[in-house]
C-alpha atoms as a PDB file:
ATOM      1  CA  UNK A   1      25.150 -14.396 -35.005  1.00  0.00           C
ATOM      2  CA  UNK A   2      28.423 -12.471 -34.544  1.00  0.00           C
ATOM      3  CA  UNK A   3      29.718 -11.196 -31.208  1.00  0.00           C
ATOM      4  CA  UNK A   4      28.467  -7.651 -31.762  1.00  0.00           C
ATOM      5  CA  UNK A   5      24.936  -8.847 -32.539  1.00  0.00           C
ATOM      6  CA  UNK A   6      24.973 -11.173 -29.523  1.00  0.00           C
ATOM      7  CA  UNK A   7      26.040  -8.351 -27.208  1.00  0.00           C
ATOM      8  CA  UNK A   8      23.279  -6.106 -28.567  1.00  0.00           C
ATOM      9  CA  UNK A   9      20.717  -8.853 -27.954  1.00  0.00           C
ATOM     10  CA  UNK A  10      21.965  -9.349 -24.383  1.00  0.00           C
ATOM     11  CA  UNK A  11      21.766  -5.592 -23.825  1.00  0.00           C
ATOM     12  CA  UNK A  12      18.178  -5.580 -25.131  1.00  0.00           C
ATOM     13  CA  UNK A  13      17.191  -8.338 -22.702  1.00  0.00           C
ATOM     14  CA  UNK A  14      18.884  -6.500 -19.823  1.00  0.00           C
ATOM     15  CA  UNK A  15      16.920  -3.354 -20.620  1.00  0.00           C
ATOM     16  CA  UNK A  16      13.706  -5.360 -21.031  1.00  0.00           C
ATOM     17  CA  UNK A  17      13.934  -6.563 -17.427  1.00  0.00           C
ATOM     18  CA  UNK A  18      15.357  -3.188 -16.262  1.00  0.00           C
ATOM     19  CA  UNK A  19      18.716  -4.394 -14.983  1.00  0.00           C
ATOM     20  CA  UNK A  20      19.884  -0.885 -15.831  1.00  0.00           C
ATOM     21  CA  UNK A  21      17.144   0.641 -13.637  1.00  0.00           C
ATOM     22  CA  UNK A  22      17.051  -0.991 -10.178  1.00  0.00           C
ATOM     23  CA  UNK A  23      14.630   1.582  -8.738  1.00  0.00           C
ATOM     24  CA  UNK A  24      11.641  -0.710  -9.328  1.00  0.00           C
ATOM     25  CA  UNK A  25      13.269  -3.594  -7.490  1.00  0.00           C
ATOM     26  CA  UNK A  26      14.006  -1.351  -4.518  1.00  0.00           C
ATOM     27  CA  UNK A  27      10.449  -0.019  -4.408  1.00  0.00           C
ATOM     28  CA  UNK A  28       9.164  -3.589  -4.413  1.00  0.00           C
ATOM     29  CA  UNK A  29      11.722  -4.665  -1.829  1.00  0.00           C
ATOM     30  CA  UNK A  30      11.316  -2.023   0.899  1.00  0.00           C
ATOM     31  CA  UNK A  31       7.766  -2.922   2.058  1.00  0.00           C
ATOM     32  CA  UNK A  32       8.744  -6.599   1.942  1.00  0.00           C
ATOM     33  CA  UNK A  33      11.707  -5.926   4.227  1.00  0.00           C
ATOM     34  CA  UNK A  34       9.536  -3.824   6.563  1.00  0.00           C
ATOM     35  CA  UNK A  35       7.217  -6.802   6.879  1.00  0.00           C
ATOM     36  CA  UNK A  36       9.949  -9.401   7.333  1.00  0.00           C
ATOM     37  CA  UNK A  37      11.523  -7.481  10.220  1.00  0.00           C
ATOM     38  CA  UNK A  38       8.211  -6.767  11.955  1.00  0.00           C
ATOM     39  CA  UNK A  39       6.826 -10.280  11.417  1.00  0.00           C
ATOM     40  CA  UNK A  40      10.029 -11.807  12.828  1.00  0.00           C
ATOM     41  CA  UNK A  41      10.278  -9.339  15.720  1.00  0.00           C
ATOM     42  CA  UNK A  42      13.508  -7.937  14.316  1.00  0.00           C
ATOM     43  CA  UNK A  43      15.204 -11.283  13.606  1.00  0.00           C
ATOM     44  CA  UNK A  44      14.141 -12.603  10.183  1.00  0.00           C
ATOM     45  CA  UNK A  45      15.620 -16.035   9.376  1.00  0.00           C
ATOM     46  CA  UNK A  46      18.520 -15.553   6.969  1.00  0.00           C
ATOM     47  CA  UNK A  47      17.195 -18.240   4.630  1.00  0.00           C
ATOM     48  CA  UNK A  48      13.804 -16.563   4.290  1.00  0.00           C
ATOM     49  CA  UNK A  49      15.466 -13.163   3.861  1.00  0.00           C
ATOM     50  CA  UNK A  50      17.608 -14.436   0.978  1.00  0.00           C
ATOM     51  CA  UNK A  51      14.608 -16.115  -0.669  1.00  0.00           C
ATOM     52  CA  UNK A  52      12.553 -12.913  -0.531  1.00  0.00           C
ATOM     53  CA  UNK A  53      15.339 -10.724  -1.911  1.00  0.00           C
ATOM     54  CA  UNK A  54      15.902 -13.154  -4.786  1.00  0.00           C
ATOM     55  CA  UNK A  55      12.175 -13.600  -5.390  1.00  0.00           C
ATOM     56  CA  UNK A  56      11.645  -9.832  -5.417  1.00  0.00           C
ATOM     57  CA  UNK A  57      14.305  -9.363  -8.069  1.00  0.00           C
ATOM     58  CA  UNK A  58      12.931 -12.175 -10.243  1.00  0.00           C
ATOM     59  CA  UNK A  59       9.286 -11.063  -9.989  1.00  0.00           C
ATOM     60  CA  UNK A  60      10.103  -7.432 -10.702  1.00  0.00           C
ATOM     61  CA  UNK A  61      12.091  -8.499 -13.769  1.00  0.00           C
ATOM     62  CA  UNK A  62       9.272 -10.794 -14.910  1.00  0.00           C
ATOM     63  CA  UNK A  63       6.760  -8.008 -14.333  1.00  0.00           C
ATOM     64  CA  UNK A  64       8.741  -5.598 -16.524  1.00  0.00           C
ATOM     65  CA  UNK A  65       8.819  -8.088 -19.395  1.00  0.00           C
ATOM     66  CA  UNK A  66       5.092  -8.808 -19.075  1.00  0.00           C
ATOM     67  CA  UNK A  67       4.269  -5.102 -18.762  1.00  0.00           C
ATOM     68  CA  UNK A  68       6.216  -4.265 -21.933  1.00  0.00           C
ATOM     69  CA  UNK A  69       4.461  -7.088 -23.776  1.00  0.00           C
ATOM     70  CA  UNK A  70       1.050  -5.835 -22.640  1.00  0.00           C
ATOM     71  CA  UNK A  71       1.937  -2.234 -23.573  1.00  0.00           C
ATOM     72  CA  UNK A  72       3.694  -3.080 -26.834  1.00  0.00           C
ATOM     73  CA  UNK A  73       1.160  -1.091 -28.879  1.00  0.00           C
ATOM     74  CA  UNK A  74       1.396   1.979 -26.625  1.00  0.00           C
ATOM     75  CA  UNK A  75       5.040   2.396 -25.583  1.00  0.00           C
ATOM     76  CA  UNK A  76       6.236   3.583 -28.989  1.00  0.00           C
ATOM     77  CA  UNK A  77       3.930   6.613 -28.666  1.00  0.00           C
ATOM     78  CA  UNK A  78       5.191   7.709 -25.238  1.00  0.00           C
ATOM     79  CA  UNK A  79       8.368   9.806 -25.015  1.00  0.00           C
ATOM     80  CA  UNK A  80       9.680   8.036 -21.912  1.00  0.00           C
ATOM     81  CA  UNK A  81       9.095   4.491 -23.196  1.00  0.00           C
ATOM     82  CA  UNK A  82       9.653   4.608 -26.955  1.00  0.00           C
ATOM     83  CA  UNK A  83      13.267   3.516 -26.486  1.00  0.00           C
ATOM     84  CA  UNK A  84      12.352   0.283 -24.696  1.00  0.00           C
ATOM     85  CA  UNK A  85      13.631  -2.732 -26.656  1.00  0.00           C
ATOM     86  CA  UNK A  86      10.190  -4.127 -27.494  1.00  0.00           C
ATOM     87  CA  UNK A  87       8.793  -0.735 -28.560  1.00  0.00           C
ATOM     88  CA  UNK A  88      11.950  -0.051 -30.582  1.00  0.00           C
ATOM     89  CA  UNK A  89      11.711  -3.409 -32.368  1.00  0.00           C
ATOM     90  CA  UNK A  90      14.943  -4.781 -30.904  1.00  0.00           C
ATOM     91  CA  UNK A  91      13.175  -7.924 -29.715  1.00  0.00           C
ATOM     92  CA  UNK A  92       9.920  -9.625 -30.749  1.00  0.00           C
ATOM     93  CA  UNK A  93       6.757  -9.705 -28.600  1.00  0.00           C
ATOM     94  CA  UNK A  94       6.999 -13.470 -28.233  1.00  0.00           C
ATOM     95  CA  UNK A  95      10.529 -13.156 -26.886  1.00  0.00           C
ATOM     96  CA  UNK A  96       9.439 -10.672 -24.216  1.00  0.00           C
ATOM     97  CA  UNK A  97       6.571 -12.924 -23.179  1.00  0.00           C
ATOM     98  CA  UNK A  98       8.901 -15.927 -23.008  1.00  0.00           C
ATOM     99  CA  UNK A  99      11.412 -14.023 -20.870  1.00  0.00           C
ATOM    100  CA  UNK A 100       8.637 -12.982 -18.489  1.00  0.00           C
ATOM    101  CA  UNK A 101       7.325 -16.546 -18.250  1.00  0.00           C
ATOM    102  CA  UNK A 102      10.778 -17.997 -17.519  1.00  0.00           C
ATOM    103  CA  UNK A 103      11.500 -15.419 -14.834  1.00  0.00           C
ATOM    104  CA  UNK A 104       8.073 -15.954 -13.242  1.00  0.00           C
ATOM    105  CA  UNK A 105       8.717 -19.702 -13.219  1.00  0.00           C
ATOM    106  CA  UNK A 106      12.072 -19.129 -11.520  1.00  0.00           C
ATOM    107  CA  UNK A 107      10.383 -16.903  -8.948  1.00  0.00           C
ATOM    108  CA  UNK A 108       7.846 -19.634  -8.270  1.00  0.00           C
ATOM    109  CA  UNK A 109      10.714 -22.054  -7.817  1.00  0.00           C
ATOM    110  CA  UNK A 110      12.023 -19.780  -5.080  1.00  0.00           C
ATOM    111  CA  UNK A 111       8.587 -19.625  -3.446  1.00  0.00           C
ATOM    112  CA  UNK A 112       8.480 -23.428  -3.253  1.00  0.00           C
ATOM    113  CA  UNK A 113      11.077 -23.232  -0.471  1.00  0.00           C
ATOM    114  CA  UNK A 114       8.494 -21.421   1.711  1.00  0.00           C
ATOM    115  CA  UNK A 115       5.581 -22.905   3.640  1.00  0.00           C
ATOM    116  CA  UNK A 116       2.271 -23.950   1.964  1.00  0.00           C
ATOM    117  CA  UNK A 117       0.424 -20.791   3.075  1.00  0.00           C
ATOM    118  CA  UNK A 118       3.024 -18.532   1.446  1.00  0.00           C
ATOM    119  CA  UNK A 119       2.970 -20.684  -1.686  1.00  0.00           C
ATOM    120  CA  UNK A 120      -0.818 -20.310  -1.877  1.00  0.00           C
ATOM    121  CA  UNK A 121      -0.561 -16.526  -1.564  1.00  0.00           C
ATOM    122  CA  UNK A 122       2.005 -16.430  -4.369  1.00  0.00           C
ATOM    123  CA  UNK A 123      -0.745 -17.332  -6.865  1.00  0.00           C
ATOM    124  CA  UNK A 124      -2.683 -14.227  -5.856  1.00  0.00           C
ATOM    125  CA  UNK A 125       0.504 -12.156  -6.139  1.00  0.00           C
ATOM    126  CA  UNK A 126       1.122 -13.439  -9.676  1.00  0.00           C
ATOM    127  CA  UNK A 127      -2.485 -12.820 -10.729  1.00  0.00           C
ATOM    128  CA  UNK A 128      -2.367  -9.221  -9.534  1.00  0.00           C
ATOM    129  CA  UNK A 129       1.010  -8.620 -11.220  1.00  0.00           C
ATOM    130  CA  UNK A 130      -0.350  -9.932 -14.517  1.00  0.00           C
ATOM    131  CA  UNK A 131      -3.579  -7.950 -14.186  1.00  0.00           C
ATOM    132  CA  UNK A 132      -1.971  -4.552 -13.545  1.00  0.00           C
ATOM    133  CA  UNK A 133      -0.857  -3.693 -17.127  1.00  0.00           C
ATOM    134  CA  UNK A 134      -4.388  -4.243 -18.401  1.00  0.00           C
ATOM    135  CA  UNK A 135      -6.096  -2.106 -15.755  1.00  0.00           C
ATOM    136  CA  UNK A 136      -4.782   0.948 -17.598  1.00  0.00           C
ATOM    137  CA  UNK A 137      -7.389   0.213 -20.276  1.00  0.00           C
ATOM    138  CA  UNK A 138     -10.456   0.146 -18.031  1.00  0.00           C
ATOM    139  CA  UNK A 139      -9.767   1.331 -14.465  1.00  0.00           C
ATOM    140  CA  UNK A 140      -9.446   5.059 -13.688  1.00  0.00           C
ATOM    141  CA  UNK A 141      -6.873   4.508 -10.914  1.00  0.00           C
ATOM    142  CA  UNK A 142      -4.569   1.694 -12.122  1.00  0.00           C
ATOM    143  CA  UNK A 143      -1.855   2.974  -9.777  1.00  0.00           C
ATOM    144  CA  UNK A 144      -3.958   1.575  -6.949  1.00  0.00           C
ATOM    145  CA  UNK A 145      -3.584  -1.869  -8.517  1.00  0.00           C
ATOM    146  CA  UNK A 146       0.167  -1.373  -8.739  1.00  0.00           C
ATOM    147  CA  UNK A 147       0.216  -0.388  -5.064  1.00  0.00           C
ATOM    148  CA  UNK A 148      -1.467  -3.683  -4.212  1.00  0.00           C
ATOM    149  CA  UNK A 149       0.932  -5.633  -6.461  1.00  0.00           C
ATOM    150  CA  UNK A 150       4.045  -3.939  -5.069  1.00  0.00           C
ATOM    151  CA  UNK A 151       2.784  -4.274  -1.512  1.00  0.00           C
ATOM    152  CA  UNK A 152       1.919  -7.957  -1.756  1.00  0.00           C
ATOM    153  CA  UNK A 153       5.297  -8.873  -0.360  1.00  0.00           C
ATOM    154  CA  UNK A 154       3.869  -7.815   3.013  1.00  0.00           C
ATOM    155  CA  UNK A 155       1.296 -10.638   3.412  1.00  0.00           C
ATOM    156  CA  UNK A 156       3.769 -13.003   1.745  1.00  0.00           C
ATOM    157  CA  UNK A 157       6.366 -12.151   4.404  1.00  0.00           C
ATOM    158  CA  UNK A 158       3.962 -12.593   7.296  1.00  0.00           C
ATOM    159  CA  UNK A 159       2.768 -15.887   5.834  1.00  0.00           C
ATOM    160  CA  UNK A 160       6.359 -17.116   5.445  1.00  0.00           C
ATOM    161  CA  UNK A 161       7.397 -16.138   8.984  1.00  0.00           C
ATOM    162  CA  UNK A 162       4.213 -16.582  11.038  1.00  0.00           C
ATOM    163  CA  UNK A 163       1.952 -18.703   8.810  1.00  0.00           C
ATOM    164  CA  UNK A 164      -0.747 -16.147   9.621  1.00  0.00           C
ATOM    165  CA  UNK A 165      -1.891 -12.666   8.629  1.00  0.00           C
ATOM    166  CA  UNK A 166      -2.321 -10.738  11.902  1.00  0.00           C
ATOM    167  CA  UNK A 167      -3.661  -7.190  12.233  1.00  0.00           C
ATOM    168  CA  UNK A 168      -0.204  -5.629  11.893  1.00  0.00           C
ATOM    169  CA  UNK A 169       0.115  -7.302   8.484  1.00  0.00           C
ATOM    170  CA  UNK A 170      -3.017  -5.561   7.196  1.00  0.00           C
ATOM    171  CA  UNK A 171      -1.971  -2.189   8.629  1.00  0.00           C
ATOM    172  CA  UNK A 172       1.429  -2.483   6.987  1.00  0.00           C
ATOM    173  CA  UNK A 173      -0.154  -3.699   3.741  1.00  0.00           C
ATOM    174  CA  UNK A 174      -2.437  -0.650   3.676  1.00  0.00           C
ATOM    175  CA  UNK A 175       0.562   1.641   4.238  1.00  0.00           C
ATOM    176  CA  UNK A 176       2.412  -0.107   1.395  1.00  0.00           C
ATOM    177  CA  UNK A 177      -0.526   0.364  -0.966  1.00  0.00           C
ATOM    178  CA  UNK A 178      -0.588   4.091  -0.222  1.00  0.00           C
ATOM    179  CA  UNK A 179       3.167   4.231  -0.765  1.00  0.00           C
ATOM    180  CA  UNK A 180       2.867   2.547  -4.163  1.00  0.00           C
ATOM    181  CA  UNK A 181      -0.096   4.673  -5.208  1.00  0.00           C
ATOM    182  CA  UNK A 182       1.821   7.859  -4.358  1.00  0.00           C
ATOM    183  CA  UNK A 183       5.059   7.137  -6.173  1.00  0.00           C
ATOM    184  CA  UNK A 184       3.362   5.554  -9.180  1.00  0.00           C
ATOM    185  CA  UNK A 185       1.092   8.577  -9.515  1.00  0.00           C
ATOM    186  CA  UNK A 186       4.239  10.719  -9.629  1.00  0.00           C
ATOM    187  CA  UNK A 187       5.469   8.357 -12.354  1.00  0.00           C
ATOM    188  CA  UNK A 188       2.174   8.686 -14.229  1.00  0.00           C
ATOM    189  CA  UNK A 189       2.428  12.477 -14.075  1.00  0.00           C
ATOM    190  CA  UNK A 190       5.529  12.207 -16.265  1.00  0.00           C
ATOM    191  CA  UNK A 191       3.520  10.618 -19.097  1.00  0.00           C
ATOM    192  CA  UNK A 192       0.222  12.463 -18.679  1.00  0.00           C
ATOM    193  CA  UNK A 193       0.267  14.304 -22.035  1.00  0.00           C
ATOM    194  CA  UNK A 194       1.237  11.192 -24.019  1.00  0.00           C
ATOM    195  CA  UNK A 195      -1.260   8.989 -22.149  1.00  0.00           C
ATOM    196  CA  UNK A 196      -4.070  11.421 -22.930  1.00  0.00           C
ATOM    197  CA  UNK A 197      -3.298  11.140 -26.639  1.00  0.00           C
ATOM    198  CA  UNK A 198      -3.259   7.338 -26.743  1.00  0.00           C
ATOM    199  CA  UNK A 199      -6.213   6.789 -24.408  1.00  0.00           C
ATOM    200  CA  UNK A 200      -4.526   5.112 -21.439  1.00  0.00           C
ATOM    201  CA  UNK A 201      -6.106   5.697 -18.033  1.00  0.00           C
ATOM    202  CA  UNK A 202      -3.937   6.755 -15.101  1.00  0.00           C
ATOM    203  CA  UNK A 203      -4.458   8.335 -11.703  1.00  0.00           C
ATOM    204  CA  UNK A 204      -2.623  11.438 -12.945  1.00  0.00           C
ATOM    205  CA  UNK A 205      -5.307  11.906 -15.607  1.00  0.00           C
ATOM    206  CA  UNK A 206      -8.266  10.939 -13.414  1.00  0.00           C
ATOM    207  CA  UNK A 207      -7.229  13.199 -10.532  1.00  0.00           C
ATOM    208  CA  UNK A 208      -6.507  16.153 -12.809  1.00  0.00           C
ATOM    209  CA  UNK A 209      -5.650  19.287 -10.834  1.00  0.00           C
ATOM    210  CA  UNK A 210      -5.880  17.302  -7.591  1.00  0.00           C
ATOM    211  CA  UNK A 211      -2.964  15.023  -8.475  1.00  0.00           C
ATOM    212  CA  UNK A 212      -0.378  16.776  -6.297  1.00  0.00           C
ATOM    213  CA  UNK A 213      -2.779  16.840  -3.350  1.00  0.00           C
ATOM    214  CA  UNK A 214      -3.506  13.131  -3.787  1.00  0.00           C
ATOM    215  CA  UNK A 215       0.189  12.244  -3.861  1.00  0.00           C
ATOM    216  CA  UNK A 216       0.905  14.214  -0.709  1.00  0.00           C
ATOM    217  CA  UNK A 217      -2.174  12.789   1.028  1.00  0.00           C
ATOM    218  CA  UNK A 218      -1.186   9.221   0.092  1.00  0.00           C
ATOM    219  CA  UNK A 219       2.319   9.632   1.458  1.00  0.00           C
ATOM    220  CA  UNK A 220       0.909  11.272   4.594  1.00  0.00           C
ATOM    221  CA  UNK A 221      -1.584   8.424   5.021  1.00  0.00           C
ATOM    222  CA  UNK A 222       1.247   5.912   4.726  1.00  0.00           C
ATOM    223  CA  UNK A 223       3.224   7.684   7.442  1.00  0.00           C
ATOM    224  CA  UNK A 224       0.169   7.956   9.704  1.00  0.00           C
ATOM    225  CA  UNK A 225      -0.475   4.210   9.443  1.00  0.00           C
ATOM    226  CA  UNK A 226       3.179   3.461  10.101  1.00  0.00           C
ATOM    227  CA  UNK A 227       3.178   5.724  13.162  1.00  0.00           C
ATOM    228  CA  UNK A 228       0.072   3.954  14.451  1.00  0.00           C
ATOM    229  CA  UNK A 229       1.749   0.593  13.892  1.00  0.00           C
ATOM    230  CA  UNK A 230       4.932   1.657  15.667  1.00  0.00           C
ATOM    231  CA  UNK A 231       3.033   2.954  18.674  1.00  0.00           C
ATOM    232  CA  UNK A 232       0.906  -0.186  18.894  1.00  0.00           C
ATOM    233  CA  UNK A 233       3.990  -2.423  18.745  1.00  0.00           C
ATOM    234  CA  UNK A 234       5.928  -0.308  21.224  1.00  0.00           C
ATOM    235  CA  UNK A 235       8.825   0.294  18.850  1.00  0.00           C
ATOM    236  CA  UNK A 236      11.597   2.597  20.041  1.00  0.00           C
ATOM    237  CA  UNK A 237      12.685   6.054  18.951  1.00  0.00           C
ATOM    238  CA  UNK A 238      14.712   5.089  15.797  1.00  0.00           C
ATOM    239  CA  UNK A 239      11.500   3.835  14.191  1.00  0.00           C
ATOM    240  CA  UNK A 240       9.865   7.221  14.608  1.00  0.00           C
ATOM    241  CA  UNK A 241      13.068   8.978  13.552  1.00  0.00           C
ATOM    242  CA  UNK A 242      12.951   6.998  10.310  1.00  0.00           C
ATOM    243  CA  UNK A 243       9.328   8.027   9.807  1.00  0.00           C
ATOM    244  CA  UNK A 244      10.237  11.638  10.550  1.00  0.00           C
ATOM    245  CA  UNK A 245      13.016  11.511   7.953  1.00  0.00           C
ATOM    246  CA  UNK A 246      10.546  10.159   5.391  1.00  0.00           C
ATOM    247  CA  UNK A 247       8.076  12.893   6.332  1.00  0.00           C
ATOM    248  CA  UNK A 248      10.743  15.554   5.801  1.00  0.00           C
ATOM    249  CA  UNK A 249      11.291  14.176   2.311  1.00  0.00           C
ATOM    250  CA  UNK A 250       7.681  15.051   1.478  1.00  0.00           C
ATOM    251  CA  UNK A 251       8.676  18.716   1.347  1.00  0.00           C
ATOM    252  CA  UNK A 252      11.223  17.866  -1.344  1.00  0.00           C
ATOM    253  CA  UNK A 253       8.631  15.863  -3.262  1.00  0.00           C
ATOM    254  CA  UNK A 254       6.167  18.746  -3.131  1.00  0.00           C
ATOM    255  CA  UNK A 255       8.857  21.063  -4.458  1.00  0.00           C
ATOM    256  CA  UNK A 256       9.550  18.677  -7.333  1.00  0.00           C
ATOM    257  CA  UNK A 257       5.971  17.936  -8.448  1.00  0.00           C
ATOM    258  CA  UNK A 258       4.074  21.133  -7.698  1.00  0.00           C
ATOM    259  CA  UNK A 259       4.753  22.522 -11.208  1.00  0.00           C
ATOM    260  CA  UNK A 260       4.028  19.089 -12.760  1.00  0.00           C
ATOM    261  CA  UNK A 261       7.095  19.181 -15.015  1.00  0.00           C
ATOM    262  CA  UNK A 262       8.188  15.872 -16.529  1.00  0.00           C
ATOM    263  CA  UNK A 263      11.676  16.148 -15.056  1.00  0.00           C
ATOM    264  CA  UNK A 264      10.465  17.118 -11.602  1.00  0.00           C
ATOM    265  CA  UNK A 265       7.895  14.334 -11.383  1.00  0.00           C
ATOM    266  CA  UNK A 266      10.395  11.748 -12.588  1.00  0.00           C
ATOM    267  CA  UNK A 267      12.968  12.910 -10.053  1.00  0.00           C
ATOM    268  CA  UNK A 268      10.343  12.631  -7.313  1.00  0.00           C
ATOM    269  CA  UNK A 269       9.503   9.085  -8.388  1.00  0.00           C
ATOM    270  CA  UNK A 270      13.163   8.064  -8.317  1.00  0.00           C
ATOM    271  CA  UNK A 271      13.639   9.709  -4.926  1.00  0.00           C
ATOM    272  CA  UNK A 272      10.708   7.810  -3.387  1.00  0.00           C
ATOM    273  CA  UNK A 273      12.968   4.819  -2.767  1.00  0.00           C
ATOM    274  CA  UNK A 274      14.830   6.838  -0.134  1.00  0.00           C
ATOM    275  CA  UNK A 275      11.612   7.155   1.836  1.00  0.00           C
ATOM    276  CA  UNK A 276      11.287   3.378   1.887  1.00  0.00           C
ATOM    277  CA  UNK A 277      14.912   3.055   2.967  1.00  0.00           C
ATOM    278  CA  UNK A 278      14.503   5.597   5.790  1.00  0.00           C
ATOM    279  CA  UNK A 279      11.531   3.668   7.148  1.00  0.00           C
ATOM    280  CA  UNK A 280      13.410   0.363   6.867  1.00  0.00           C
ATOM    281  CA  UNK A 281      16.469   1.762   8.630  1.00  0.00           C
ATOM    282  CA  UNK A 282      14.246   2.999  11.448  1.00  0.00           C
ATOM    283  CA  UNK A 283      12.648  -0.435  11.818  1.00  0.00           C
ATOM    284  CA  UNK A 284      16.000  -2.247  11.935  1.00  0.00           C
ATOM    285  CA  UNK A 285      17.553   0.148  14.451  1.00  0.00           C
ATOM    286  CA  UNK A 286      14.440   0.122  16.606  1.00  0.00           C
ATOM    287  CA  UNK A 287      14.623  -3.644  17.036  1.00  0.00           C
ATOM    288  CA  UNK A 288      18.378  -3.532  17.580  1.00  0.00           C
ATOM    289  CA  UNK A 289      17.955  -1.090  20.481  1.00  0.00           C
ATOM    290  CA  UNK A 290      15.064  -2.883  22.205  1.00  0.00           C
END
């Protein structure tokens, strides 16, 4: 293999695990960071923080490889995904599966530095991550499964810090699920026409003309749960300022998705990470000012 061929293969692997598109890692990371700060009362141990950031990156990368393997017979028929390396024939299905398995094994190696309760929960996290790509064949709202998968860092964080799953964990987990359902429904709205042709089920298809309402309601439900959590924990004004900033962003999201254009819905999906960041910034500053 010459240098040019080797570089093309490396580029294909990088695109397989989405190193060129960090948005997914950020969306997976924000709820995890919310949980780490709240579980640790604003002072997460640096070692645990590093492990979760690294584990998030590895699991998101593994999930992308496994998702592309599961969708290998569909992606070539969808405008947004036909350029992915597996769909374009740049790498073989077995290679994608092997990459996913190696990355998942590395992520599990990171988890082994946590306590036994967190290690036990990691098996559930892996099972849900592996299940998600296949729910698009049978479940009318697979984005709900993705919300659970992307929010599972919340119970993992509480388990790692507290070795328990208190009520605030479940409230934050529910908010994270709504967050994931909302932004992934925006993502699904991009592919609605192609998904209808190939027979994949998504929330954008199932909800039909109520898709925009469902997205807005999910984001609003997330913010309501977060406000309830902040009030119950007695967090200070920056927390609610962060929530208010995220709420203001909903107006921008409505503007982007109300016409259901591919470009608008995709821009809304990409922007959703800023909502997670605003909430995280509010949490951090709230604890700093206590």
